[in-house]
């Protein structure tokens, strides 16, 4: 697990708080402008399904020499899809602060159909942990991209085929473990990776999830060129489960550092 230095935390926190302001919903929030150190635009292709799975119980009378009442648990109902869409759009990232060990502060926005959102300011720690105002929302596809921008997760050191490493992010009430494995090295700007992540968040809004993906990563510029993820999050509700499934495809369209 890679740690964050105190200096990094202070820099990231200072820039993040500069954009926190009054607690408002993301739909109404926009951080105060800061000069962009790097401008990135990604094409987004997103398949999103939000389903509910209801538990069923029934009561029946059982007679075994004497009458008794028992409850028999039945298999879950068939899932009911509350939302099932295929969306296209863009994610825009403006890096507004950076530290030498991989910490970043990024203003990120999305303009996908039915999922458009103005910029929100996010501090990305070197291990990919994300910090942002609790009054704002970061979509799952944005979070997946931001974690790949953390410069110390993959870094600029050459990696050979078969190399693998694990990044952990654990704290009070949450935890994640991500395994990266190099599957091919096409060139310095085309490192092919498999990604496998498991995570959990405890509490009243607890969730257990997983992410599997493939990434083509440019080590010369420390940015993903393409990425494709399959993700699922499962949250228990009073009468069953809510299950969110996503297929996320990202392609780098613009980079102010050049390609």
C-alpha atoms as a PDB file:
ATOM      1  CA  UNK A   1       0.000   0.000   0.000  1.00  0.00           C
ATOM      2  CA  UNK A   2       1.296   3.430  -0.884  1.00  0.00           C
ATOM      3  CA  UNK A   3       0.910   6.143   1.715  1.00  0.00           C
ATOM      4  CA  UNK A   4       0.359   9.845   1.395  1.00  0.00           C
ATOM      5  CA  UNK A   5       2.910  12.240   2.845  1.00  0.00           C
ATOM      6  CA  UNK A   6       1.760  14.968   5.268  1.00  0.00           C
ATOM      7  CA  UNK A   7       2.899  17.623   2.775  1.00  0.00           C
ATOM      8  CA  UNK A   8       0.768  16.068   0.063  1.00  0.00           C
ATOM      9  CA  UNK A   9      -2.279  15.950   2.318  1.00  0.00           C
ATOM     10  CA  UNK A  10      -1.882  19.641   3.224  1.00  0.00           C
ATOM     11  CA  UNK A  11      -1.579  20.745  -0.412  1.00  0.00           C
ATOM     12  CA  UNK A  12      -4.523  18.627  -1.552  1.00  0.00           C
ATOM     13  CA  UNK A  13      -6.684  19.686   1.371  1.00  0.00           C
ATOM     14  CA  UNK A  14      -5.953  23.377   0.879  1.00  0.00           C
ATOM     15  CA  UNK A  15      -6.913  23.336  -2.791  1.00  0.00           C
ATOM     16  CA  UNK A  16      -9.940  21.140  -2.154  1.00  0.00           C
ATOM     17  CA  UNK A  17     -11.294  23.405   0.579  1.00  0.00           C
ATOM     18  CA  UNK A  18     -10.869  26.391  -1.693  1.00  0.00           C
ATOM     19  CA  UNK A  19     -13.681  24.967  -3.777  1.00  0.00           C
ATOM     20  CA  UNK A  20     -15.902  23.550  -1.036  1.00  0.00           C
ATOM     21  CA  UNK A  21     -17.845  26.707  -0.163  1.00  0.00           C
ATOM     22  CA  UNK A  22     -21.397  26.368   1.097  1.00  0.00           C
ATOM     23  CA  UNK A  23     -22.927  22.900   1.163  1.00  0.00           C
ATOM     24  CA  UNK A  24     -24.936  22.605  -2.056  1.00  0.00           C
ATOM     25  CA  UNK A  25     -25.884  19.784  -4.364  1.00  0.00           C
ATOM     26  CA  UNK A  26     -23.632  19.072  -7.304  1.00  0.00           C
ATOM     27  CA  UNK A  27     -26.314  20.169  -9.715  1.00  0.00           C
ATOM     28  CA  UNK A  28     -25.885  23.697  -8.347  1.00  0.00           C
ATOM     29  CA  UNK A  29     -22.198  23.603  -7.479  1.00  0.00           C
ATOM     30  CA  UNK A  30     -19.227  24.835  -9.447  1.00  0.00           C
ATOM     31  CA  UNK A  31     -15.790  25.316  -7.847  1.00  0.00           C
ATOM     32  CA  UNK A  32     -14.142  28.714  -8.217  1.00  0.00           C
ATOM     33  CA  UNK A  33     -11.932  28.713 -11.315  1.00  0.00           C
ATOM     34  CA  UNK A  34      -8.246  27.912 -10.981  1.00  0.00           C
ATOM     35  CA  UNK A  35      -5.657  27.796 -13.784  1.00  0.00           C
ATOM     36  CA  UNK A  36      -5.629  24.410 -15.479  1.00  0.00           C
ATOM     37  CA  UNK A  37      -2.236  22.686 -15.394  1.00  0.00           C
ATOM     38  CA  UNK A  38      -3.464  19.955 -17.702  1.00  0.00           C
ATOM     39  CA  UNK A  39      -6.677  19.601 -19.710  1.00  0.00           C
ATOM     40  CA  UNK A  40      -7.956  16.103 -20.528  1.00  0.00           C
ATOM     41  CA  UNK A  41     -11.090  15.043 -22.401  1.00  0.00           C
ATOM     42  CA  UNK A  42     -12.329  11.453 -22.573  1.00  0.00           C
ATOM     43  CA  UNK A  43     -15.111   9.981 -24.691  1.00  0.00           C
ATOM     44  CA  UNK A  44     -17.535   8.014 -22.510  1.00  0.00           C
ATOM     45  CA  UNK A  45     -19.677   5.038 -23.463  1.00  0.00           C
ATOM     46  CA  UNK A  46     -21.757   3.854 -20.509  1.00  0.00           C
ATOM     47  CA  UNK A  47     -24.263   1.033 -20.043  1.00  0.00           C
ATOM     48  CA  UNK A  48     -26.008   1.508 -16.696  1.00  0.00           C
ATOM     49  CA  UNK A  49     -28.546  -0.761 -15.039  1.00  0.00           C
ATOM     50  CA  UNK A  50     -30.099  -0.096 -11.630  1.00  0.00           C
ATOM     51  CA  UNK A  51     -32.099  -3.058 -10.312  1.00  0.00           C
ATOM     52  CA  UNK A  52     -33.999  -4.045  -7.189  1.00  0.00           C
ATOM     53  CA  UNK A  53     -34.128  -7.582  -5.864  1.00  0.00           C
ATOM     54  CA  UNK A  54     -36.858  -8.127  -3.287  1.00  0.00           C
ATOM     55  CA  UNK A  55     -36.764 -10.830  -0.642  1.00  0.00           C
ATOM     56  CA  UNK A  56     -39.950 -12.843  -0.201  1.00  0.00           C
ATOM     57  CA  UNK A  57     -41.200 -14.593   2.885  1.00  0.00           C
ATOM     58  CA  UNK A  58     -44.414 -16.532   3.355  1.00  0.00           C
ATOM     59  CA  UNK A  59     -46.144 -18.145   6.285  1.00  0.00           C
ATOM     60  CA  UNK A  60     -47.673 -21.584   6.159  1.00  0.00           C
ATOM     61  CA  UNK A  61     -49.308 -23.903   8.624  1.00  0.00           C
ATOM     62  CA  UNK A  62     -47.404 -27.082   9.449  1.00  0.00           C
ATOM     63  CA  UNK A  63     -49.000 -29.958  11.396  1.00  0.00           C
ATOM     64  CA  UNK A  64     -46.685 -32.500  13.035  1.00  0.00           C
ATOM     65  CA  UNK A  65     -48.771 -34.011  15.808  1.00  0.00           C
ATOM     66  CA  UNK A  66     -49.503 -30.510  16.981  1.00  0.00           C
ATOM     67  CA  UNK A  67     -50.118 -27.272  15.162  1.00  0.00           C
ATOM     68  CA  UNK A  68     -47.225 -24.905  14.704  1.00  0.00           C
ATOM     69  CA  UNK A  69     -46.601 -21.867  12.580  1.00  0.00           C
ATOM     70  CA  UNK A  70     -43.296 -21.318  10.791  1.00  0.00           C
ATOM     71  CA  UNK A  71     -41.902 -18.939   8.189  1.00  0.00           C
ATOM     72  CA  UNK A  72     -40.325 -20.366   5.071  1.00  0.00           C
ATOM     73  CA  UNK A  73     -37.863 -18.230   3.132  1.00  0.00           C
ATOM     74  CA  UNK A  74     -38.478 -18.372  -0.601  1.00  0.00           C
ATOM     75  CA  UNK A  75     -36.006 -17.591  -3.399  1.00  0.00           C
ATOM     76  CA  UNK A  76     -35.667 -13.876  -4.210  1.00  0.00           C
ATOM     77  CA  UNK A  77     -38.042 -12.319  -6.680  1.00  0.00           C
ATOM     78  CA  UNK A  78     -36.797 -11.782 -10.189  1.00  0.00           C
ATOM     79  CA  UNK A  79     -34.907  -8.528 -10.356  1.00  0.00           C
ATOM     80  CA  UNK A  80     -36.855  -5.453 -11.372  1.00  0.00           C
ATOM     81  CA  UNK A  81     -34.916  -2.897 -13.426  1.00  0.00           C
ATOM     82  CA  UNK A  82     -35.583   0.639 -12.231  1.00  0.00           C
ATOM     83  CA  UNK A  83     -33.192   2.134 -14.791  1.00  0.00           C
ATOM     84  CA  UNK A  84     -31.556   0.586 -17.854  1.00  0.00           C
ATOM     85  CA  UNK A  85     -29.830   2.939 -20.277  1.00  0.00           C
ATOM     86  CA  UNK A  86     -26.946   3.129 -22.759  1.00  0.00           C
ATOM     87  CA  UNK A  87     -25.417   6.602 -22.584  1.00  0.00           C
ATOM     88  CA  UNK A  88     -22.722   8.436 -24.540  1.00  0.00           C
ATOM     89  CA  UNK A  89     -20.871  11.647 -23.745  1.00  0.00           C
ATOM     90  CA  UNK A  90     -17.602  13.084 -22.458  1.00  0.00           C
ATOM     91  CA  UNK A  91     -15.721  13.460 -19.190  1.00  0.00           C
ATOM     92  CA  UNK A  92     -13.539  16.565 -18.852  1.00  0.00           C
ATOM     93  CA  UNK A  93     -10.684  16.702 -16.326  1.00  0.00           C
ATOM     94  CA  UNK A  94      -8.726  19.838 -15.483  1.00  0.00           C
ATOM     95  CA  UNK A  95      -5.768  19.273 -13.172  1.00  0.00           C
ATOM     96  CA  UNK A  96      -5.498  22.399 -10.996  1.00  0.00           C
ATOM     97  CA  UNK A  97      -2.822  21.269  -8.498  1.00  0.00           C
ATOM     98  CA  UNK A  98      -0.183  18.546  -8.287  1.00  0.00           C
ATOM     99  CA  UNK A  99       2.460  17.274  -5.867  1.00  0.00           C
ATOM    100  CA  UNK A 100       5.726  15.476  -6.610  1.00  0.00           C
ATOM    101  CA  UNK A 101       4.582  12.140  -5.133  1.00  0.00           C
ATOM    102  CA  UNK A 102       1.479  11.735  -7.282  1.00  0.00           C
ATOM    103  CA  UNK A 103      -1.195  13.782  -5.529  1.00  0.00           C
ATOM    104  CA  UNK A 104      -3.561  15.754  -7.761  1.00  0.00           C
ATOM    105  CA  UNK A 105      -6.529  18.085  -7.487  1.00  0.00           C
ATOM    106  CA  UNK A 106      -8.867  17.751 -10.445  1.00  0.00           C
ATOM    107  CA  UNK A 107     -11.998  19.583 -11.555  1.00  0.00           C
ATOM    108  CA  UNK A 108     -14.078  16.890 -13.249  1.00  0.00           C
ATOM    109  CA  UNK A 109     -17.337  17.208 -15.169  1.00  0.00           C
ATOM    110  CA  UNK A 110     -19.508  15.005 -17.362  1.00  0.00           C
ATOM    111  CA  UNK A 111     -21.869  15.762 -20.233  1.00  0.00           C
ATOM    112  CA  UNK A 112     -23.345  12.328 -21.000  1.00  0.00           C
ATOM    113  CA  UNK A 113     -27.007  12.178 -21.963  1.00  0.00           C
ATOM    114  CA  UNK A 114     -29.247  11.952 -18.873  1.00  0.00           C
ATOM    115  CA  UNK A 115     -26.130  12.203 -16.689  1.00  0.00           C
ATOM    116  CA  UNK A 116     -24.739  15.687 -17.273  1.00  0.00           C
ATOM    117  CA  UNK A 117     -23.086  17.348 -14.279  1.00  0.00           C
ATOM    118  CA  UNK A 118     -21.064  20.536 -13.731  1.00  0.00           C
ATOM    119  CA  UNK A 119     -17.492  20.433 -12.402  1.00  0.00           C
ATOM    120  CA  UNK A 120     -16.736  19.121  -8.932  1.00  0.00           C
ATOM    121  CA  UNK A 121     -13.309  19.470  -7.315  1.00  0.00           C
ATOM    122  CA  UNK A 122     -11.677  16.211  -6.205  1.00  0.00           C
ATOM    123  CA  UNK A 123      -8.382  15.627  -4.405  1.00  0.00           C
ATOM    124  CA  UNK A 124      -6.768  12.422  -5.688  1.00  0.00           C
ATOM    125  CA  UNK A 125      -4.250  10.959  -3.248  1.00  0.00           C
ATOM    126  CA  UNK A 126      -1.226   8.999  -4.546  1.00  0.00           C
ATOM    127  CA  UNK A 127      -2.916   5.653  -3.786  1.00  0.00           C
ATOM    128  CA  UNK A 128      -6.045   6.699  -5.693  1.00  0.00           C
ATOM    129  CA  UNK A 129      -8.143   7.608  -2.645  1.00  0.00           C
ATOM    130  CA  UNK A 130     -10.600  10.387  -3.517  1.00  0.00           C
ATOM    131  CA  UNK A 131     -11.510  13.311  -1.271  1.00  0.00           C
ATOM    132  CA  UNK A 132     -14.293  15.757  -2.115  1.00  0.00           C
ATOM    133  CA  UNK A 133     -16.967  17.793  -0.385  1.00  0.00           C
ATOM    134  CA  UNK A 134     -19.681  15.553   1.125  1.00  0.00           C
ATOM    135  CA  UNK A 135     -22.276  17.855  -0.420  1.00  0.00           C
ATOM    136  CA  UNK A 136     -21.212  16.834  -3.932  1.00  0.00           C
ATOM    137  CA  UNK A 137     -21.407  13.638  -5.980  1.00  0.00           C
ATOM    138  CA  UNK A 138     -18.742  11.886  -8.034  1.00  0.00           C
ATOM    139  CA  UNK A 139     -20.186   9.370 -10.494  1.00  0.00           C
ATOM    140  CA  UNK A 140     -18.763   5.839 -10.578  1.00  0.00           C
ATOM    141  CA  UNK A 141     -17.294   6.280 -14.063  1.00  0.00           C
ATOM    142  CA  UNK A 142     -15.589   9.516 -12.965  1.00  0.00           C
ATOM    143  CA  UNK A 143     -14.139   7.815  -9.883  1.00  0.00           C
ATOM    144  CA  UNK A 144     -12.752   4.956 -11.993  1.00  0.00           C
ATOM    145  CA  UNK A 145     -11.006   7.452 -14.262  1.00  0.00           C
ATOM    146  CA  UNK A 146      -9.668   9.639 -11.443  1.00  0.00           C
ATOM    147  CA  UNK A 147      -8.010   6.659  -9.742  1.00  0.00           C
ATOM    148  CA  UNK A 148      -6.104   5.930 -12.944  1.00  0.00           C
ATOM    149  CA  UNK A 149      -4.811   9.508 -12.980  1.00  0.00           C
ATOM    150  CA  UNK A 150      -3.093   9.089  -9.587  1.00  0.00           C
ATOM    151  CA  UNK A 151       0.483   9.142 -10.830  1.00  0.00           C
ATOM    152  CA  UNK A 152       1.995   6.754  -8.276  1.00  0.00           C
ATOM    153  CA  UNK A 153      -0.499   3.928  -8.929  1.00  0.00           C
ATOM    154  CA  UNK A 154       1.290   2.900 -12.128  1.00  0.00           C
ATOM    155  CA  UNK A 155       4.094   5.430 -12.315  1.00  0.00           C
ATOM    156  CA  UNK A 156       6.767   5.910 -14.961  1.00  0.00           C
ATOM    157  CA  UNK A 157       9.053   2.959 -14.113  1.00  0.00           C
ATOM    158  CA  UNK A 158       9.200   0.382 -16.936  1.00  0.00           C
ATOM    159  CA  UNK A 159       6.978  -2.640 -16.358  1.00  0.00           C
ATOM    160  CA  UNK A 160       7.409  -6.028 -18.007  1.00  0.00           C
ATOM    161  CA  UNK A 161       4.804  -8.555 -19.095  1.00  0.00           C
ATOM    162  CA  UNK A 162       3.554 -10.524 -16.089  1.00  0.00           C
ATOM    163  CA  UNK A 163       4.440  -7.848 -13.538  1.00  0.00           C
ATOM    164  CA  UNK A 164       1.719  -7.299 -10.960  1.00  0.00           C
ATOM    165  CA  UNK A 165       1.152  -5.139  -7.904  1.00  0.00           C
ATOM    166  CA  UNK A 166      -1.565  -4.413  -5.368  1.00  0.00           C
ATOM    167  CA  UNK A 167      -2.875  -1.029  -4.226  1.00  0.00           C
ATOM    168  CA  UNK A 168      -4.916  -0.903  -1.024  1.00  0.00           C
ATOM    169  CA  UNK A 169      -6.992   1.954   0.342  1.00  0.00           C
ATOM    170  CA  UNK A 170      -8.325   1.244   3.821  1.00  0.00           C
ATOM    171  CA  UNK A 171      -9.828   3.524   6.434  1.00  0.00           C
ATOM    172  CA  UNK A 172     -12.574   3.742   8.996  1.00  0.00           C
ATOM    173  CA  UNK A 173     -15.663   2.161   7.491  1.00  0.00           C
ATOM    174  CA  UNK A 174     -14.264   1.541   4.002  1.00  0.00           C
ATOM    175  CA  UNK A 175     -11.668  -0.473   2.171  1.00  0.00           C
ATOM    176  CA  UNK A 176     -10.546  -1.456  -1.317  1.00  0.00           C
ATOM    177  CA  UNK A 177      -7.938  -3.733  -2.847  1.00  0.00           C
ATOM    178  CA  UNK A 178      -6.927  -3.344  -6.490  1.00  0.00           C
ATOM    179  CA  UNK A 179      -4.635  -5.735  -8.352  1.00  0.00           C
ATOM    180  CA  UNK A 180      -2.909  -4.578 -11.557  1.00  0.00           C
ATOM    181  CA  UNK A 181      -1.243  -7.022 -13.949  1.00  0.00           C
ATOM    182  CA  UNK A 182       0.730  -6.214 -17.105  1.00  0.00           C
ATOM    183  CA  UNK A 183      -0.523  -8.279 -20.044  1.00  0.00           C
ATOM    184  CA  UNK A 184       1.444  -6.645 -22.893  1.00  0.00           C
ATOM    185  CA  UNK A 185       3.934  -3.859 -23.583  1.00  0.00           C
ATOM    186  CA  UNK A 186       3.296  -2.511 -27.085  1.00  0.00           C
ATOM    187  CA  UNK A 187       5.457   0.601 -26.610  1.00  0.00           C
ATOM    188  CA  UNK A 188       6.355   3.106 -23.888  1.00  0.00           C
ATOM    189  CA  UNK A 189       3.032   4.834 -24.582  1.00  0.00           C
ATOM    190  CA  UNK A 190       0.999   1.612 -24.703  1.00  0.00           C
ATOM    191  CA  UNK A 191       1.186  -0.525 -21.572  1.00  0.00           C
ATOM    192  CA  UNK A 192      -1.670  -3.056 -21.404  1.00  0.00           C
ATOM    193  CA  UNK A 193      -3.070  -3.821 -17.960  1.00  0.00           C
ATOM    194  CA  UNK A 194      -5.732  -5.952 -16.351  1.00  0.00           C
ATOM    195  CA  UNK A 195      -7.381  -4.470 -13.259  1.00  0.00           C
ATOM    196  CA  UNK A 196      -9.326  -6.327 -10.573  1.00  0.00           C
ATOM    197  CA  UNK A 197     -10.793  -4.479  -7.592  1.00  0.00           C
ATOM    198  CA  UNK A 198     -12.958  -5.376  -4.615  1.00  0.00           C
ATOM    199  CA  UNK A 199     -14.278  -2.748  -2.227  1.00  0.00           C
ATOM    200  CA  UNK A 200     -16.720  -2.175   0.591  1.00  0.00           C
ATOM    201  CA  UNK A 201     -18.227   0.721   2.501  1.00  0.00           C
ATOM    202  CA  UNK A 202     -19.836   0.071   5.874  1.00  0.00           C
ATOM    203  CA  UNK A 203     -22.682   1.819   7.644  1.00  0.00           C
ATOM    204  CA  UNK A 204     -26.293   2.606   6.945  1.00  0.00           C
ATOM    205  CA  UNK A 205     -25.532   3.193   3.268  1.00  0.00           C
ATOM    206  CA  UNK A 206     -23.076   0.291   3.067  1.00  0.00           C
ATOM    207  CA  UNK A 207     -22.146  -1.295  -0.223  1.00  0.00           C
ATOM    208  CA  UNK A 208     -20.040  -4.193  -1.489  1.00  0.00           C
ATOM    209  CA  UNK A 209     -18.691  -3.979  -5.018  1.00  0.00           C
ATOM    210  CA  UNK A 210     -16.207  -5.173  -7.606  1.00  0.00           C
ATOM    211  CA  UNK A 211     -14.578  -3.779 -10.736  1.00  0.00           C
ATOM    212  CA  UNK A 212     -12.789  -5.657 -13.496  1.00  0.00           C
ATOM    213  CA  UNK A 213     -11.180  -3.879 -16.400  1.00  0.00           C
ATOM    214  CA  UNK A 214      -8.570  -3.519 -19.114  1.00  0.00           C
ATOM    215  CA  UNK A 215      -6.453  -0.408 -19.577  1.00  0.00           C
ATOM    216  CA  UNK A 216      -4.086   0.837 -22.277  1.00  0.00           C
ATOM    217  CA  UNK A 217      -1.807   3.194 -20.343  1.00  0.00           C
ATOM    218  CA  UNK A 218       0.680   5.773 -21.631  1.00  0.00           C
ATOM    219  CA  UNK A 219       3.624   5.681 -19.213  1.00  0.00           C
ATOM    220  CA  UNK A 220       5.362   8.545 -21.004  1.00  0.00           C
ATOM    221  CA  UNK A 221       2.507  10.920 -20.102  1.00  0.00           C
ATOM    222  CA  UNK A 222       1.015   9.088 -17.091  1.00  0.00           C
ATOM    223  CA  UNK A 223      -2.483   8.868 -18.510  1.00  0.00           C
ATOM    224  CA  UNK A 224      -4.828   6.086 -19.663  1.00  0.00           C
ATOM    225  CA  UNK A 225      -5.363   6.077 -23.438  1.00  0.00           C
ATOM    226  CA  UNK A 226      -8.321   3.707 -23.274  1.00  0.00           C
ATOM    227  CA  UNK A 227     -10.049   1.847 -20.457  1.00  0.00           C
ATOM    228  CA  UNK A 228     -12.962  -0.583 -20.273  1.00  0.00           C
ATOM    229  CA  UNK A 229     -14.538  -1.618 -16.968  1.00  0.00           C
ATOM    230  CA  UNK A 230     -17.295  -3.878 -15.783  1.00  0.00           C
ATOM    231  CA  UNK A 231     -18.525  -2.902 -12.319  1.00  0.00           C
ATOM    232  CA  UNK A 232     -21.202  -4.032  -9.907  1.00  0.00           C
ATOM    233  CA  UNK A 233     -22.253  -2.600  -6.542  1.00  0.00           C
ATOM    234  CA  UNK A 234     -24.668  -4.367  -4.187  1.00  0.00           C
ATOM    235  CA  UNK A 235     -26.421  -2.525  -1.371  1.00  0.00           C
ATOM    236  CA  UNK A 236     -28.769  -4.136   1.156  1.00  0.00           C
ATOM    237  CA  UNK A 237     -32.174  -2.490   1.669  1.00  0.00           C
ATOM    238  CA  UNK A 238     -34.837  -3.253   4.298  1.00  0.00           C
ATOM    239  CA  UNK A 239     -36.668  -5.637   1.952  1.00  0.00           C
ATOM    240  CA  UNK A 240     -33.932  -6.868  -0.391  1.00  0.00           C
ATOM    241  CA  UNK A 241     -31.040  -5.514  -2.419  1.00  0.00           C
ATOM    242  CA  UNK A 242     -30.277  -2.699  -4.816  1.00  0.00           C
ATOM    243  CA  UNK A 243     -27.801  -3.745  -7.515  1.00  0.00           C
ATOM    244  CA  UNK A 244     -26.089  -1.270  -9.843  1.00  0.00           C
ATOM    245  CA  UNK A 245     -24.249  -2.749 -12.834  1.00  0.00           C
ATOM    246  CA  UNK A 246     -22.123  -0.716 -15.235  1.00  0.00           C
ATOM    247  CA  UNK A 247     -20.082  -1.214 -18.387  1.00  0.00           C
ATOM    248  CA  UNK A 248     -17.759   1.763 -18.787  1.00  0.00           C
ATOM    249  CA  UNK A 249     -15.642   2.558 -21.841  1.00  0.00           C
ATOM    250  CA  UNK A 250     -13.268   5.555 -21.880  1.00  0.00           C
ATOM    251  CA  UNK A 251     -11.115   6.874 -24.749  1.00  0.00           C
ATOM    252  CA  UNK A 252      -8.701   9.786 -24.494  1.00  0.00           C
ATOM    253  CA  UNK A 253      -9.678  12.476 -27.013  1.00  0.00           C
ATOM    254  CA  UNK A 254      -7.673  15.517 -25.906  1.00  0.00           C
ATOM    255  CA  UNK A 255      -4.586  16.075 -23.792  1.00  0.00           C
ATOM    256  CA  UNK A 256      -2.994  19.501 -23.424  1.00  0.00           C
ATOM    257  CA  UNK A 257       0.361  17.708 -22.909  1.00  0.00           C
ATOM    258  CA  UNK A 258       0.105  16.448 -26.494  1.00  0.00           C
ATOM    259  CA  UNK A 259      -0.129  12.860 -27.744  1.00  0.00           C
END
